[in-house]
N, C-alpha and C. Protein backbone atom coordinates (compact mmCIF):
# COMPACT_ATOMS: atom_id res chain seq x y z
N MET A 1 26.59 -21.60 18.23
CA MET A 1 25.25 -21.26 18.61
C MET A 1 24.48 -22.48 19.12
N GLN A 2 24.99 -23.64 18.85
CA GLN A 2 24.32 -24.85 19.31
C GLN A 2 24.84 -25.33 20.64
N ARG A 3 25.85 -24.62 21.17
CA ARG A 3 26.38 -24.95 22.50
C ARG A 3 26.93 -23.66 23.10
N LEU A 4 26.04 -22.88 23.70
CA LEU A 4 26.46 -21.60 24.28
C LEU A 4 27.17 -21.83 25.60
N GLU A 5 28.20 -21.06 25.84
CA GLU A 5 28.97 -21.20 27.07
C GLU A 5 28.35 -20.36 28.18
N LEU A 6 27.09 -20.63 28.45
CA LEU A 6 26.33 -19.96 29.50
C LEU A 6 25.57 -21.03 30.27
N GLY A 7 25.31 -20.74 31.54
CA GLY A 7 24.54 -21.67 32.35
C GLY A 7 23.06 -21.57 32.06
N ASP A 8 22.30 -22.51 32.62
CA ASP A 8 20.85 -22.47 32.48
C ASP A 8 20.30 -21.20 33.11
N ALA A 9 19.35 -20.57 32.44
CA ALA A 9 18.64 -19.39 32.95
C ALA A 9 19.61 -18.30 33.44
N GLU A 10 20.65 -18.04 32.68
CA GLU A 10 21.69 -17.11 33.11
C GLU A 10 21.49 -15.68 32.60
N VAL A 11 20.73 -15.50 31.54
CA VAL A 11 20.58 -14.16 30.96
C VAL A 11 19.10 -13.77 30.88
N ASP A 12 18.86 -12.47 30.80
CA ASP A 12 17.49 -11.97 30.70
C ASP A 12 16.92 -12.13 29.31
N GLY A 13 17.77 -12.16 28.30
CA GLY A 13 17.27 -12.29 26.95
C GLY A 13 18.38 -12.58 25.96
N VAL A 14 17.98 -13.08 24.82
CA VAL A 14 18.91 -13.33 23.71
C VAL A 14 18.25 -12.83 22.43
N ARG A 15 19.10 -12.51 21.45
CA ARG A 15 18.60 -12.00 20.17
C ARG A 15 19.47 -12.56 19.05
N THR A 16 18.82 -12.99 17.99
CA THR A 16 19.54 -13.39 16.78
C THR A 16 18.95 -12.65 15.61
N GLU A 17 19.78 -12.41 14.61
CA GLU A 17 19.29 -11.74 13.41
C GLU A 17 19.91 -12.39 12.18
N ARG A 18 19.06 -12.93 11.35
CA ARG A 18 19.47 -13.57 10.09
C ARG A 18 20.56 -14.62 10.31
N VAL A 19 20.39 -15.43 11.33
CA VAL A 19 21.37 -16.46 11.66
C VAL A 19 20.76 -17.85 11.58
N LEU A 20 19.59 -18.03 12.17
CA LEU A 20 19.02 -19.37 12.31
C LEU A 20 18.80 -20.08 10.98
N MET A 21 18.53 -19.33 9.92
CA MET A 21 18.29 -19.98 8.64
C MET A 21 19.54 -20.68 8.11
N TYR A 22 20.70 -20.37 8.67
CA TYR A 22 21.96 -20.98 8.22
C TYR A 22 22.48 -22.05 9.17
N VAL A 23 21.81 -22.27 10.28
CA VAL A 23 22.26 -23.24 11.28
C VAL A 23 21.75 -24.63 10.87
N PRO A 24 22.63 -25.61 10.82
CA PRO A 24 22.21 -26.95 10.38
C PRO A 24 21.12 -27.57 11.26
N ASP A 25 21.27 -27.48 12.58
CA ASP A 25 20.29 -28.06 13.50
C ASP A 25 19.56 -26.91 14.19
N GLN A 26 18.53 -26.40 13.53
CA GLN A 26 17.83 -25.22 14.01
C GLN A 26 17.12 -25.47 15.34
N GLN A 27 16.52 -26.64 15.49
CA GLN A 27 15.82 -26.95 16.75
C GLN A 27 16.79 -26.92 17.92
N ARG A 28 17.96 -27.48 17.73
CA ARG A 28 18.97 -27.48 18.80
C ARG A 28 19.40 -26.06 19.14
N ALA A 29 19.58 -25.23 18.13
CA ALA A 29 20.00 -23.84 18.36
C ALA A 29 18.92 -23.07 19.13
N VAL A 30 17.67 -23.23 18.73
CA VAL A 30 16.58 -22.52 19.42
C VAL A 30 16.43 -23.04 20.84
N SER A 31 16.57 -24.34 21.03
CA SER A 31 16.50 -24.90 22.39
C SER A 31 17.63 -24.36 23.26
N GLU A 32 18.78 -24.18 22.68
CA GLU A 32 19.92 -23.63 23.41
C GLU A 32 19.67 -22.18 23.81
N LEU A 33 19.09 -21.41 22.90
CA LEU A 33 18.73 -20.03 23.23
C LEU A 33 17.76 -20.01 24.40
N ALA A 34 16.74 -20.85 24.34
CA ALA A 34 15.74 -20.90 25.41
C ALA A 34 16.35 -21.37 26.73
N ARG A 35 17.31 -22.26 26.66
CA ARG A 35 17.94 -22.81 27.88
C ARG A 35 18.62 -21.72 28.70
N VAL A 36 19.28 -20.79 28.04
CA VAL A 36 20.09 -19.80 28.77
C VAL A 36 19.29 -18.59 29.25
N VAL A 37 18.03 -18.48 28.83
CA VAL A 37 17.19 -17.35 29.21
C VAL A 37 16.40 -17.66 30.49
N ARG A 38 16.42 -16.69 31.40
CA ARG A 38 15.68 -16.83 32.66
C ARG A 38 14.17 -16.90 32.39
N PRO A 39 13.41 -17.54 33.30
CA PRO A 39 11.95 -17.50 33.17
C PRO A 39 11.47 -16.04 33.11
N GLY A 40 10.60 -15.77 32.18
CA GLY A 40 10.12 -14.41 31.99
C GLY A 40 11.00 -13.59 31.07
N GLY A 41 12.15 -14.15 30.65
CA GLY A 41 13.05 -13.46 29.74
C GLY A 41 12.56 -13.53 28.31
N ARG A 42 13.36 -13.02 27.41
CA ARG A 42 12.95 -12.95 26.00
C ARG A 42 13.92 -13.67 25.09
N VAL A 43 13.35 -14.39 24.13
CA VAL A 43 14.10 -14.94 23.02
C VAL A 43 13.57 -14.19 21.79
N VAL A 44 14.44 -13.41 21.15
CA VAL A 44 14.04 -12.61 20.00
C VAL A 44 14.83 -13.09 18.79
N THR A 45 14.11 -13.45 17.74
CA THR A 45 14.77 -13.82 16.50
C THR A 45 14.23 -12.95 15.37
N PHE A 46 15.09 -12.58 14.49
CA PHE A 46 14.72 -11.82 13.30
C PHE A 46 15.23 -12.62 12.12
N GLU A 47 14.31 -13.18 11.37
CA GLU A 47 14.67 -13.98 10.21
C GLU A 47 13.90 -13.46 9.01
N LEU A 48 14.53 -13.42 7.89
CA LEU A 48 13.86 -12.97 6.67
C LEU A 48 12.94 -14.06 6.15
N ASP A 49 11.81 -13.65 5.64
CA ASP A 49 10.89 -14.57 4.99
C ASP A 49 11.01 -14.31 3.49
N TYR A 50 11.90 -15.06 2.85
CA TYR A 50 12.14 -14.83 1.43
C TYR A 50 10.91 -15.11 0.57
N GLY A 51 9.97 -15.86 1.12
CA GLY A 51 8.75 -16.10 0.38
C GLY A 51 7.88 -14.84 0.27
N ALA A 52 8.18 -13.85 1.08
CA ALA A 52 7.40 -12.61 1.06
C ALA A 52 8.21 -11.45 0.44
N THR A 53 9.28 -11.76 -0.25
CA THR A 53 10.11 -10.73 -0.87
C THR A 53 9.32 -10.01 -1.96
N LEU A 54 9.43 -8.70 -1.97
CA LEU A 54 8.79 -7.88 -3.00
C LEU A 54 9.85 -7.31 -3.93
N VAL A 55 9.56 -7.34 -5.22
CA VAL A 55 10.43 -6.74 -6.22
C VAL A 55 9.58 -5.74 -6.99
N ASP A 56 9.97 -4.48 -6.94
CA ASP A 56 9.19 -3.42 -7.58
C ASP A 56 9.82 -3.07 -8.93
N LEU A 57 9.34 -3.72 -9.96
CA LEU A 57 9.80 -3.46 -11.32
C LEU A 57 8.58 -3.19 -12.21
N PRO A 58 8.71 -2.32 -13.18
CA PRO A 58 7.56 -2.03 -14.04
C PRO A 58 7.10 -3.24 -14.86
N ASP A 59 8.01 -4.11 -15.22
CA ASP A 59 7.66 -5.28 -16.02
C ASP A 59 7.45 -6.48 -15.09
N GLN A 60 6.22 -6.97 -15.01
CA GLN A 60 5.92 -8.08 -14.10
C GLN A 60 6.64 -9.38 -14.48
N GLY A 61 6.87 -9.58 -15.76
CA GLY A 61 7.60 -10.77 -16.19
C GLY A 61 9.03 -10.77 -15.66
N THR A 62 9.68 -9.61 -15.73
CA THR A 62 11.04 -9.48 -15.18
C THR A 62 11.02 -9.65 -13.68
N ALA A 63 10.04 -9.05 -13.02
CA ALA A 63 9.93 -9.18 -11.56
C ALA A 63 9.77 -10.65 -11.17
N ARG A 64 8.92 -11.38 -11.88
CA ARG A 64 8.71 -12.80 -11.59
C ARG A 64 10.00 -13.59 -11.81
N HIS A 65 10.75 -13.27 -12.87
CA HIS A 65 12.01 -13.93 -13.15
C HIS A 65 13.00 -13.70 -11.99
N VAL A 66 13.09 -12.46 -11.52
CA VAL A 66 13.99 -12.14 -10.40
C VAL A 66 13.57 -12.91 -9.15
N LEU A 67 12.27 -12.93 -8.85
CA LEU A 67 11.79 -13.65 -7.67
C LEU A 67 12.03 -15.15 -7.79
N ASP A 68 11.82 -15.71 -8.96
CA ASP A 68 12.08 -17.14 -9.16
C ASP A 68 13.56 -17.45 -8.97
N TRP A 69 14.43 -16.57 -9.48
CA TRP A 69 15.87 -16.77 -9.32
C TRP A 69 16.27 -16.69 -7.85
N LEU A 70 15.73 -15.70 -7.13
CA LEU A 70 16.03 -15.57 -5.70
C LEU A 70 15.55 -16.80 -4.93
N ALA A 71 14.36 -17.27 -5.26
CA ALA A 71 13.81 -18.44 -4.57
C ALA A 71 14.67 -19.66 -4.81
N ALA A 72 15.10 -19.87 -6.05
CA ALA A 72 15.94 -21.04 -6.35
C ALA A 72 17.28 -20.95 -5.64
N ALA A 73 17.87 -19.77 -5.61
CA ALA A 73 19.16 -19.59 -4.94
C ALA A 73 19.02 -19.82 -3.44
N GLN A 74 17.97 -19.31 -2.86
CA GLN A 74 17.76 -19.48 -1.42
C GLN A 74 17.40 -20.92 -1.08
N ASP A 75 16.59 -21.58 -1.91
CA ASP A 75 16.23 -22.97 -1.65
C ASP A 75 17.45 -23.86 -1.60
N ALA A 76 18.38 -23.61 -2.49
CA ALA A 76 19.59 -24.41 -2.52
C ALA A 76 20.41 -24.19 -1.25
N GLU A 77 20.39 -22.97 -0.73
CA GLU A 77 21.21 -22.63 0.44
C GLU A 77 20.57 -23.03 1.76
N ARG A 78 19.26 -23.02 1.82
CA ARG A 78 18.58 -23.23 3.10
C ARG A 78 17.50 -24.30 2.98
N ALA A 79 17.84 -25.43 2.46
CA ALA A 79 16.88 -26.49 2.21
C ALA A 79 15.99 -26.73 3.44
N GLY A 80 14.71 -26.64 3.22
CA GLY A 80 13.76 -26.91 4.29
C GLY A 80 13.44 -25.74 5.20
N TYR A 81 14.09 -24.60 5.03
CA TYR A 81 13.87 -23.45 5.90
C TYR A 81 12.55 -22.78 5.58
N HIS A 82 11.82 -22.42 6.58
CA HIS A 82 10.64 -21.55 6.44
C HIS A 82 10.48 -20.81 7.76
N SER A 83 10.21 -19.52 7.70
CA SER A 83 10.17 -18.71 8.91
C SER A 83 9.17 -19.22 9.93
N ASP A 84 8.04 -19.79 9.49
CA ASP A 84 7.04 -20.29 10.44
C ASP A 84 7.59 -21.45 11.26
N THR A 85 8.58 -22.14 10.75
CA THR A 85 9.20 -23.24 11.48
C THR A 85 9.74 -22.76 12.82
N PHE A 86 10.30 -21.56 12.85
CA PHE A 86 10.91 -21.05 14.07
C PHE A 86 9.88 -20.74 15.15
N VAL A 87 8.68 -20.36 14.76
CA VAL A 87 7.63 -20.09 15.74
C VAL A 87 7.39 -21.34 16.57
N GLY A 88 7.18 -22.47 15.90
CA GLY A 88 6.95 -23.73 16.61
C GLY A 88 8.14 -24.13 17.46
N MET A 89 9.35 -23.94 16.94
CA MET A 89 10.56 -24.28 17.69
C MET A 89 10.66 -23.47 18.97
N ILE A 90 10.41 -22.18 18.87
CA ILE A 90 10.53 -21.31 20.04
C ILE A 90 9.46 -21.64 21.07
N VAL A 91 8.24 -21.85 20.59
CA VAL A 91 7.16 -22.20 21.52
C VAL A 91 7.49 -23.48 22.27
N SER A 92 7.95 -24.51 21.56
CA SER A 92 8.24 -25.77 22.25
C SER A 92 9.47 -25.65 23.14
N ALA A 93 10.45 -24.87 22.74
CA ALA A 93 11.66 -24.72 23.55
C ALA A 93 11.41 -23.89 24.80
N ARG A 94 10.53 -22.90 24.72
CA ARG A 94 10.26 -22.02 25.86
C ARG A 94 9.27 -22.62 26.84
N LYS A 95 8.65 -23.70 26.50
CA LYS A 95 7.69 -24.40 27.36
C LYS A 95 6.53 -23.49 27.74
N PRO A 96 5.34 -23.77 27.25
CA PRO A 96 4.19 -22.90 27.46
C PRO A 96 3.88 -22.60 28.92
N ASP A 97 4.31 -23.48 29.85
CA ASP A 97 3.98 -23.25 31.25
C ASP A 97 4.68 -22.00 31.82
N ARG A 98 5.60 -21.41 31.08
CA ARG A 98 6.25 -20.18 31.54
C ARG A 98 5.37 -18.96 31.29
N GLY A 99 4.24 -19.16 30.63
CA GLY A 99 3.32 -18.06 30.39
C GLY A 99 3.77 -17.11 29.30
N GLN A 100 4.72 -17.51 28.49
CA GLN A 100 5.22 -16.66 27.41
C GLN A 100 4.51 -17.02 26.12
N HIS A 101 4.22 -16.02 25.31
CA HIS A 101 3.57 -16.24 24.03
C HIS A 101 4.37 -15.52 22.96
N PRO A 102 4.55 -16.17 21.81
CA PRO A 102 5.33 -15.51 20.76
C PRO A 102 4.57 -14.33 20.15
N VAL A 103 5.33 -13.33 19.79
CA VAL A 103 4.80 -12.18 19.07
C VAL A 103 5.43 -12.24 17.69
N ILE A 104 4.61 -12.30 16.66
CA ILE A 104 5.12 -12.47 15.31
C ILE A 104 4.77 -11.24 14.50
N ALA A 105 5.79 -10.58 13.98
CA ALA A 105 5.57 -9.42 13.12
C ALA A 105 5.84 -9.83 11.69
N ARG A 106 4.91 -9.54 10.83
CA ARG A 106 5.08 -9.87 9.41
C ARG A 106 4.93 -8.65 8.58
């Protein structure tokens, strides 16, 4: 994903889902996605925001324990990852002069 076998501006769009959080050099991967998309094309990423995970349990203490465990497990796996990081990466990689603006669904 950090070296796509496509030329510059070769495709109309690219899409990733639950991938970028596992890529060691996320900025390079996002820049590569932007490189292969034609002006006016789309870069679409779908990444989970584990900080917004909901656990529906009747006991709030148990729910907090589950969320704390999930957070610790994810932090170990994706050190430094945060979904907002990708917004900045995509904006800088797509170059604002193309007239594209990110749409963020939360």
